[in-house]
Amino acid sequence: MTDVPACPKCGCDYAYEDGALFVCPECAHEWSDAQPAEAEGRVWRDANGNILQDGDTVAVIKDLKVKGASKPVKVGTVVKNIRLVEGDHDIDCKIDGFGAMGLKTEFVKKV
């Protein structure tokens, strides 16, 4: 019997071989030994799949309601100099007319 590595995504020890791939029964992650280990740190992607980095400029792709504000952040609002963070929101930024705010990457596209 071969040694099956633990799942790189969730750490489950009950992974099994399925042909050329390893499969995790808990999170359904599939991987092979030929794949390199996950990249250092997290990779943030916008709504179109483009990789985001600190300092990028993005545009909002959907009207976003803001708690405590009388108006929403409109589609097409450009946000400059974003900062990527871990947590419930992926982007820390300042939006003119709103101030400091947290956004999710699924609602922005890279400009």
Protein backbone atom coordinates (compact mmCIF):
# COMPACT_ATOMS: atom_id res chain seq x y z
CA MET A 1 0.00 0.00 0.00
CA THR A 2 1.30 3.45 -0.87
CA ASP A 3 1.46 6.35 1.52
CA VAL A 4 -1.32 8.79 0.70
CA PRO A 5 -0.55 12.37 1.79
CA ALA A 6 -2.97 14.41 3.86
CA CYS A 7 -5.23 16.79 1.97
CA PRO A 8 -3.34 20.07 1.31
CA LYS A 9 -6.60 22.05 1.52
CA CYS A 10 -8.19 20.82 4.77
CA GLY A 11 -5.56 18.50 6.27
CA CYS A 12 -7.79 15.40 6.26
CA ASP A 13 -5.87 12.15 6.79
CA TYR A 14 -8.47 10.00 4.97
CA ALA A 15 -7.56 10.95 1.40
CA TYR A 16 -7.49 8.15 -1.16
CA GLU A 17 -6.10 7.46 -4.62
CA ASP A 18 -8.39 7.60 -7.65
CA GLY A 19 -6.35 6.80 -10.73
CA ALA A 20 -3.60 9.42 -11.01
CA LEU A 21 -5.25 11.77 -8.50
CA PHE A 22 -5.67 11.89 -4.75
CA VAL A 23 -9.17 12.74 -3.48
CA CYS A 24 -10.24 14.11 -0.10
CA PRO A 25 -13.57 12.65 1.10
CA GLU A 26 -14.23 15.59 3.45
CA CYS A 27 -13.76 18.63 1.18
CA ALA A 28 -13.76 16.91 -2.27
CA HIS A 29 -10.39 18.49 -3.16
CA GLU A 30 -8.47 16.63 -5.88
CA TRP A 31 -4.71 16.89 -6.45
CA SER A 32 -1.75 14.95 -7.83
CA ASP A 33 1.83 14.63 -6.67
CA ALA A 34 2.91 16.34 -9.91
CA GLN A 35 1.17 19.58 -8.86
CA PRO A 36 3.38 21.98 -6.94
CA ALA A 37 2.36 22.87 -3.41
CA GLU A 38 -0.06 25.76 -3.13
CA ALA A 39 1.51 29.13 -3.82
CA GLU A 40 2.95 31.11 -0.97
CA GLY A 41 0.09 32.95 0.67
CA ARG A 42 -3.31 33.63 -0.76
CA VAL A 43 -4.07 34.79 -4.30
CA TRP A 44 -6.88 37.32 -4.69
CA ARG A 45 -8.81 37.42 -7.97
CA ASP A 46 -11.38 39.92 -9.22
CA ALA A 47 -14.78 39.02 -10.71
CA ASN A 48 -13.13 38.27 -14.08
CA GLY A 49 -10.38 36.06 -12.63
CA ASN A 50 -7.55 38.60 -12.88
CA ILE A 51 -5.01 38.46 -10.06
CA LEU A 52 -5.13 41.49 -7.75
CA GLN A 53 -2.18 43.03 -5.91
CA ASP A 54 -1.76 45.76 -3.32
CA GLY A 55 -1.92 49.19 -4.93
CA ASP A 56 -4.07 48.15 -7.90
CA THR A 57 -6.95 50.22 -9.22
CA VAL A 58 -10.34 48.51 -9.46
CA ALA A 59 -13.87 49.42 -10.54
CA VAL A 60 -17.09 48.36 -8.80
CA ILE A 61 -19.25 46.10 -11.02
CA LYS A 62 -22.51 46.26 -9.04
CA ASP A 63 -24.40 48.88 -7.01
CA LEU A 64 -23.42 48.21 -3.38
CA LYS A 65 -25.65 49.29 -0.52
CA VAL A 66 -23.70 50.81 2.35
CA LYS A 67 -25.00 50.57 5.91
CA GLY A 68 -25.56 54.01 7.35
CA ALA A 69 -25.21 55.81 4.02
CA SER A 70 -28.04 57.44 2.14
CA LYS A 71 -26.76 56.37 -1.27
CA PRO A 72 -25.11 53.21 -2.66
CA VAL A 73 -21.65 52.88 -4.20
CA LYS A 74 -22.55 53.04 -7.90
CA VAL A 75 -21.45 50.73 -10.71
CA GLY A 76 -18.24 51.97 -12.31
CA THR A 77 -16.91 53.72 -9.20
CA VAL A 78 -13.12 53.61 -9.49
CA VAL A 79 -11.16 52.71 -6.36
CA LYS A 80 -7.43 53.48 -6.40
CA ASN A 81 -4.61 52.07 -4.30
CA ILE A 82 -6.38 49.06 -2.77
CA ARG A 83 -4.92 47.01 0.07
CA LEU A 84 -5.56 43.25 0.16
CA VAL A 85 -6.34 41.75 3.57
CA GLU A 86 -7.46 38.47 5.13
CA GLY A 87 -10.89 38.41 6.72
CA ASP A 88 -14.55 38.73 5.84
CA HIS A 89 -13.76 41.44 3.26
CA ASP A 90 -10.79 41.10 0.91
CA ILE A 91 -10.04 44.75 0.09
CA ASP A 92 -9.45 47.76 2.34
CA CYS A 93 -9.78 51.05 0.49
CA LYS A 94 -10.97 54.64 0.57
CA ILE A 95 -13.84 55.67 -1.68
CA ASP A 96 -14.44 59.36 -2.37
CA GLY A 97 -17.67 60.42 -0.71
CA PHE A 98 -17.78 57.34 1.56
CA GLY A 99 -14.41 57.13 3.30
CA ALA A 100 -12.67 53.96 4.46
CA MET A 101 -14.44 50.79 3.41
CA GLY A 102 -14.04 47.03 3.02
CA LEU A 103 -14.99 45.38 -0.28
CA LYS A 104 -15.15 41.80 -1.51
CA THR A 105 -13.19 40.87 -4.62
CA GLU A 106 -16.27 39.34 -6.26
CA PHE A 107 -17.75 42.86 -6.71
CA VAL A 108 -14.78 44.53 -8.42
CA LYS A 109 -12.82 44.24 -11.64
CA LYS A 110 -9.24 45.32 -12.29
CA VAL A 111 -8.87 48.48 -14.36
